Amino acid sequence: MSLETTVNTAIKTAMLNKQEVALRALRAIKSALLIAKTEKGATEILSEETEIKVLQKLIKQRKESAEIYQTQNRPDLYQIETDEAEVIEQYLPQQLSPKEIKLAITQIIQNLNITSIKEMGKVMAAANVQMAGKADGKTISEAIKAILK
């Protein structure tokens, strides 16, 4: 079942159960998928990779907004953003643990014979391909920096 079909079904369920937070988040997913479909060069059916990128973008937006609201001492808005991010995260593949990320990056570094932080871009590119949808770029980047110090 495609993500779009899953989201449409979840929207109906959220409406029936009067789950406002879930409904907002699901409508945001539906909207973002529709926008991705109508972009120039896009196909009618989105690939799983594109769907994951859309979800990651939505989560990143909400986390950035939540950070801003937290610094501005707006706990009400902060809570809305974090709740929506949690709902959206349910539709991503299972995320890797920090230990699994570190292990995968160590393996990539060994395979590419990387010895310095100057070659971080090569590691980052390979890691993003290998862990697409299973870890966000910021986490991957921090792990690479910690290993290549």
C-alpha atoms as a PDB file:
ATOM      1  CA  MET A   1       0.000   0.000   0.000  1.00  0.00           C
ATOM      2  CA  SER A   2       1.353   3.414  -0.924  1.00  0.00           C
ATOM      3  CA  LEU A   3       2.013   6.101   1.639  1.00  0.00           C
ATOM      4  CA  GLU A   4      -0.711   8.247   0.125  1.00  0.00           C
ATOM      5  CA  THR A   5      -3.325   5.505   0.570  1.00  0.00           C
ATOM      6  CA  THR A   6      -2.132   4.839   4.113  1.00  0.00           C
ATOM      7  CA  VAL A   7      -2.339   8.546   4.985  1.00  0.00           C
ATOM      8  CA  ASN A   8      -5.831   8.904   3.480  1.00  0.00           C
ATOM      9  CA  THR A   9      -7.045   5.971   5.575  1.00  0.00           C
ATOM     10  CA  ALA A  10      -5.381   7.417   8.680  1.00  0.00           C
ATOM     11  CA  ILE A  11      -7.029  10.810   8.022  1.00  0.00           C
ATOM     12  CA  LYS A  12     -10.464   9.182   8.015  1.00  0.00           C
ATOM     13  CA  THR A  13      -9.667   7.364  11.266  1.00  0.00           C
ATOM     14  CA  ALA A  14      -8.338  10.551  12.889  1.00  0.00           C
ATOM     15  CA  MET A  15     -11.476  12.428  11.856  1.00  0.00           C
ATOM     16  CA  LEU A  16     -13.749   9.765  13.313  1.00  0.00           C
ATOM     17  CA  ASN A  17     -11.752   9.674  16.561  1.00  0.00           C
ATOM     18  CA  LYS A  18     -11.478  13.477  16.707  1.00  0.00           C
ATOM     19  CA  GLN A  19      -7.668  13.378  16.961  1.00  0.00           C
ATOM     20  CA  GLU A  20      -6.807  16.961  16.072  1.00  0.00           C
ATOM     21  CA  VAL A  21      -3.006  16.671  16.291  1.00  0.00           C
ATOM     22  CA  ALA A  22      -2.891  13.550  14.141  1.00  0.00           C
ATOM     23  CA  LEU A  23      -5.311  15.089  11.671  1.00  0.00           C
ATOM     24  CA  ARG A  24      -3.154  18.232  11.258  1.00  0.00           C
ATOM     25  CA  ALA A  25      -0.007  16.167  10.760  1.00  0.00           C
ATOM     26  CA  LEU A  26      -1.661  13.776   8.310  1.00  0.00           C
ATOM     27  CA  ARG A  27      -3.102  16.623   6.277  1.00  0.00           C
ATOM     28  CA  ALA A  28       0.388  18.156   6.133  1.00  0.00           C
ATOM     29  CA  ILE A  29       1.750  14.849   4.801  1.00  0.00           C
ATOM     30  CA  LYS A  30      -1.026  14.615   2.227  1.00  0.00           C
ATOM     31  CA  SER A  31      -0.404  18.190   1.107  1.00  0.00           C
ATOM     32  CA  ALA A  32       3.367  17.687   0.838  1.00  0.00           C
ATOM     33  CA  LEU A  33       2.881  14.503  -1.199  1.00  0.00           C
ATOM     34  CA  LEU A  34       0.507  16.310  -3.541  1.00  0.00           C
ATOM     35  CA  ILE A  35       3.031  19.120  -4.000  1.00  0.00           C
ATOM     36  CA  ALA A  36       5.784  16.577  -4.688  1.00  0.00           C
ATOM     37  CA  LYS A  37       3.589  14.928  -7.329  1.00  0.00           C
ATOM     38  CA  THR A  38       2.944  18.206  -9.123  1.00  0.00           C
ATOM     39  CA  GLU A  39       6.550  19.408  -9.177  1.00  0.00           C
ATOM     40  CA  LYS A  40       8.210  19.749 -12.541  1.00  0.00           C
ATOM     41  CA  GLY A  41       9.579  16.408 -13.715  1.00  0.00           C
ATOM     42  CA  ALA A  42       7.713  14.400 -11.082  1.00  0.00           C
ATOM     43  CA  THR A  43       5.756  11.267 -11.932  1.00  0.00           C
ATOM     44  CA  GLU A  44       2.179  10.484 -10.949  1.00  0.00           C
ATOM     45  CA  ILE A  45       3.351   7.740  -8.576  1.00  0.00           C
ATOM     46  CA  LEU A  46       6.040   8.793  -6.115  1.00  0.00           C
ATOM     47  CA  SER A  47       8.922   6.468  -5.365  1.00  0.00           C
ATOM     48  CA  GLU A  48       9.456   5.271  -1.810  1.00  0.00           C
ATOM     49  CA  GLU A  49      12.667   7.322  -1.720  1.00  0.00           C
ATOM     50  CA  THR A  50      10.767  10.499  -2.621  1.00  0.00           C
ATOM     51  CA  GLU A  51       8.110   9.764  -0.018  1.00  0.00           C
ATOM     52  CA  ILE A  52      10.803   9.345   2.644  1.00  0.00           C
ATOM     53  CA  LYS A  53      12.426  12.639   1.636  1.00  0.00           C
ATOM     54  CA  VAL A  54       9.066  14.410   1.905  1.00  0.00           C
ATOM     55  CA  LEU A  55       8.480  12.975   5.394  1.00  0.00           C
ATOM     56  CA  GLN A  56      12.003  13.871   6.537  1.00  0.00           C
ATOM     57  CA  LYS A  57      11.518  17.421   5.287  1.00  0.00           C
ATOM     58  CA  LEU A  58       8.258  17.762   7.221  1.00  0.00           C
ATOM     59  CA  ILE A  59       9.853  16.433  10.406  1.00  0.00           C
ATOM     60  CA  LYS A  60      12.849  18.737  10.015  1.00  0.00           C
ATOM     61  CA  GLN A  61      10.551  21.745   9.582  1.00  0.00           C
ATOM     62  CA  ARG A  62       8.639  20.882  12.724  1.00  0.00           C
ATOM     63  CA  LYS A  63      11.765  20.283  14.791  1.00  0.00           C
ATOM     64  CA  GLU A  64      13.262  23.601  13.663  1.00  0.00           C
ATOM     65  CA  SER A  65      10.028  25.403  14.485  1.00  0.00           C
ATOM     66  CA  ALA A  66       9.880  23.683  17.876  1.00  0.00           C
ATOM     67  CA  GLU A  67      13.416  24.880  18.671  1.00  0.00           C
ATOM     68  CA  ILE A  68      12.464  28.437  17.770  1.00  0.00           C
ATOM     69  CA  TYR A  69       9.332  28.288  19.904  1.00  0.00           C
ATOM     70  CA  GLN A  70      11.307  26.870  22.812  1.00  0.00           C
ATOM     71  CA  THR A  71      13.860  29.711  22.660  1.00  0.00           C
ATOM     72  CA  GLN A  72      11.001  32.222  22.501  1.00  0.00           C
ATOM     73  CA  ASN A  73       9.388  30.662  25.575  1.00  0.00           C
ATOM     74  CA  ARG A  74       6.260  29.498  23.738  1.00  0.00           C
ATOM     75  CA  PRO A  75       5.560  26.053  25.245  1.00  0.00           C
ATOM     76  CA  ASP A  76       2.092  25.901  23.670  1.00  0.00           C
ATOM     77  CA  LEU A  77       3.420  26.189  20.106  1.00  0.00           C
ATOM     78  CA  TYR A  78       6.447  24.037  20.940  1.00  0.00           C
ATOM     79  CA  GLN A  79       4.148  21.205  22.024  1.00  0.00           C
ATOM     80  CA  ILE A  80       2.083  21.419  18.834  1.00  0.00           C
ATOM     81  CA  GLU A  81       5.171  21.112  16.648  1.00  0.00           C
ATOM     82  CA  THR A  82       6.679  18.211  18.600  1.00  0.00           C
ATOM     83  CA  ASP A  83       3.357  16.331  18.659  1.00  0.00           C
ATOM     84  CA  GLU A  84       3.001  16.688  14.876  1.00  0.00           C
ATOM     85  CA  ALA A  85       6.602  15.556  14.346  1.00  0.00           C
ATOM     86  CA  GLU A  86       5.896  12.422  16.405  1.00  0.00           C
ATOM     87  CA  VAL A  87       2.874  11.590  14.237  1.00  0.00           C
ATOM     88  CA  ILE A  88       4.844  12.090  11.013  1.00  0.00           C
ATOM     89  CA  GLU A  89       7.761   9.963  12.302  1.00  0.00           C
ATOM     90  CA  GLN A  90       5.399   6.984  12.503  1.00  0.00           C
ATOM     91  CA  TYR A  91       5.353   6.849   8.701  1.00  0.00           C
ATOM     92  CA  LEU A  92       9.138   6.705   8.312  1.00  0.00           C
ATOM     93  CA  PRO A  93      11.055   3.418   8.254  1.00  0.00           C
ATOM     94  CA  GLN A  94      12.455   2.234  11.601  1.00  0.00           C
ATOM     95  CA  GLN A  95      15.214   4.664  12.604  1.00  0.00           C
ATOM     96  CA  LEU A  96      18.711   3.373  13.342  1.00  0.00           C
ATOM     97  CA  SER A  97      20.049   3.620  16.864  1.00  0.00           C
ATOM     98  CA  PRO A  98      23.153   5.773  17.498  1.00  0.00           C
ATOM     99  CA  LYS A  99      25.169   2.574  17.946  1.00  0.00           C
ATOM    100  CA  GLU A 100      23.993   1.220  14.569  1.00  0.00           C
ATOM    101  CA  ILE A 101      24.783   4.547  12.882  1.00  0.00           C
ATOM    102  CA  LYS A 102      28.272   4.604  14.363  1.00  0.00           C
ATOM    103  CA  LEU A 103      28.886   1.017  13.254  1.00  0.00           C
ATOM    104  CA  ALA A 104      27.702   1.718   9.694  1.00  0.00           C
ATOM    105  CA  ILE A 105      29.814   4.871   9.422  1.00  0.00           C
ATOM    106  CA  THR A 106      32.883   3.070  10.742  1.00  0.00           C
ATOM    107  CA  GLN A 107      32.363   0.436   8.049  1.00  0.00           C
ATOM    108  CA  ILE A 108      32.004   3.109   5.336  1.00  0.00           C
ATOM    109  CA  ILE A 109      35.190   4.847   6.518  1.00  0.00           C
ATOM    110  CA  GLN A 110      37.101   1.560   6.359  1.00  0.00           C
ATOM    111  CA  ASN A 111      35.727   0.697   2.907  1.00  0.00           C
ATOM    112  CA  LEU A 112      36.674   4.121   1.509  1.00  0.00           C
ATOM    113  CA  ASN A 113      40.044   4.211   3.314  1.00  0.00           C
ATOM    114  CA  ILE A 114      39.258   7.623   4.809  1.00  0.00           C
ATOM    115  CA  THR A 115      41.892   8.958   7.190  1.00  0.00           C
ATOM    116  CA  SER A 116      41.049  12.613   7.722  1.00  0.00           C
ATOM    117  CA  ILE A 117      38.109  14.878   8.457  1.00  0.00           C
ATOM    118  CA  LYS A 118      38.897  16.654   5.175  1.00  0.00           C
ATOM    119  CA  GLU A 119      37.288  13.729   3.356  1.00  0.00           C
ATOM    120  CA  MET A 120      34.068  13.939   5.347  1.00  0.00           C
ATOM    121  CA  GLY A 121      32.065  14.745   2.204  1.00  0.00           C
ATOM    122  CA  LYS A 122      32.823  11.347   0.693  1.00  0.00           C
ATOM    123  CA  VAL A 123      31.739   9.580   3.866  1.00  0.00           C
ATOM    124  CA  MET A 124      28.630  11.747   4.142  1.00  0.00           C
ATOM    125  CA  ALA A 125      27.595  10.960   0.552  1.00  0.00           C
ATOM    126  CA  ALA A 126      28.003   7.214   1.041  1.00  0.00           C
ATOM    127  CA  ALA A 127      26.261   7.289   4.431  1.00  0.00           C
ATOM    128  CA  ASN A 128      23.292   9.244   3.082  1.00  0.00           C
ATOM    129  CA  VAL A 129      22.793   6.646   0.356  1.00  0.00           C
ATOM    130  CA  GLN A 130      23.164   3.694   2.722  1.00  0.00           C
ATOM    131  CA  MET A 131      21.016   5.110   5.536  1.00  0.00           C
ATOM    132  CA  ALA A 132      18.405   6.968   3.495  1.00  0.00           C
ATOM    133  CA  GLY A 133      15.280   7.361   5.595  1.00  0.00           C
ATOM    134  CA  LYS A 134      16.771   5.527   8.547  1.00  0.00           C
ATOM    135  CA  ALA A 135      18.799   8.423   9.981  1.00  0.00           C
ATOM    136  CA  ASP A 136      18.745  12.170   9.438  1.00  0.00           C
ATOM    137  CA  GLY A 137      21.669  14.070   7.959  1.00  0.00           C
ATOM    138  CA  LYS A 138      22.458  15.970  11.145  1.00  0.00           C
ATOM    139  CA  THR A 139      22.855  12.768  13.172  1.00  0.00           C
ATOM    140  CA  ILE A 140      25.002  11.196  10.460  1.00  0.00           C
ATOM    141  CA  SER A 141      27.199  14.297  10.254  1.00  0.00           C
ATOM    142  CA  GLU A 142      27.729  14.428  14.028  1.00  0.00           C
ATOM    143  CA  ALA A 143      28.657  10.729  14.102  1.00  0.00           C
ATOM    144  CA  ILE A 144      31.167  11.172  11.269  1.00  0.00           C
ATOM    145  CA  LYS A 145      32.799  14.129  13.035  1.00  0.00           C
ATOM    146  CA  ALA A 146      33.049  12.148  16.272  1.00  0.00           C
ATOM    147  CA  ILE A 147      34.732   9.232  14.533  1.00  0.00           C
ATOM    148  CA  LEU A 148      37.120  11.258  12.339  1.00  0.00           C
ATOM    149  CA  LYS A 149      38.289  13.753  15.001  1.00  0.00           C
END
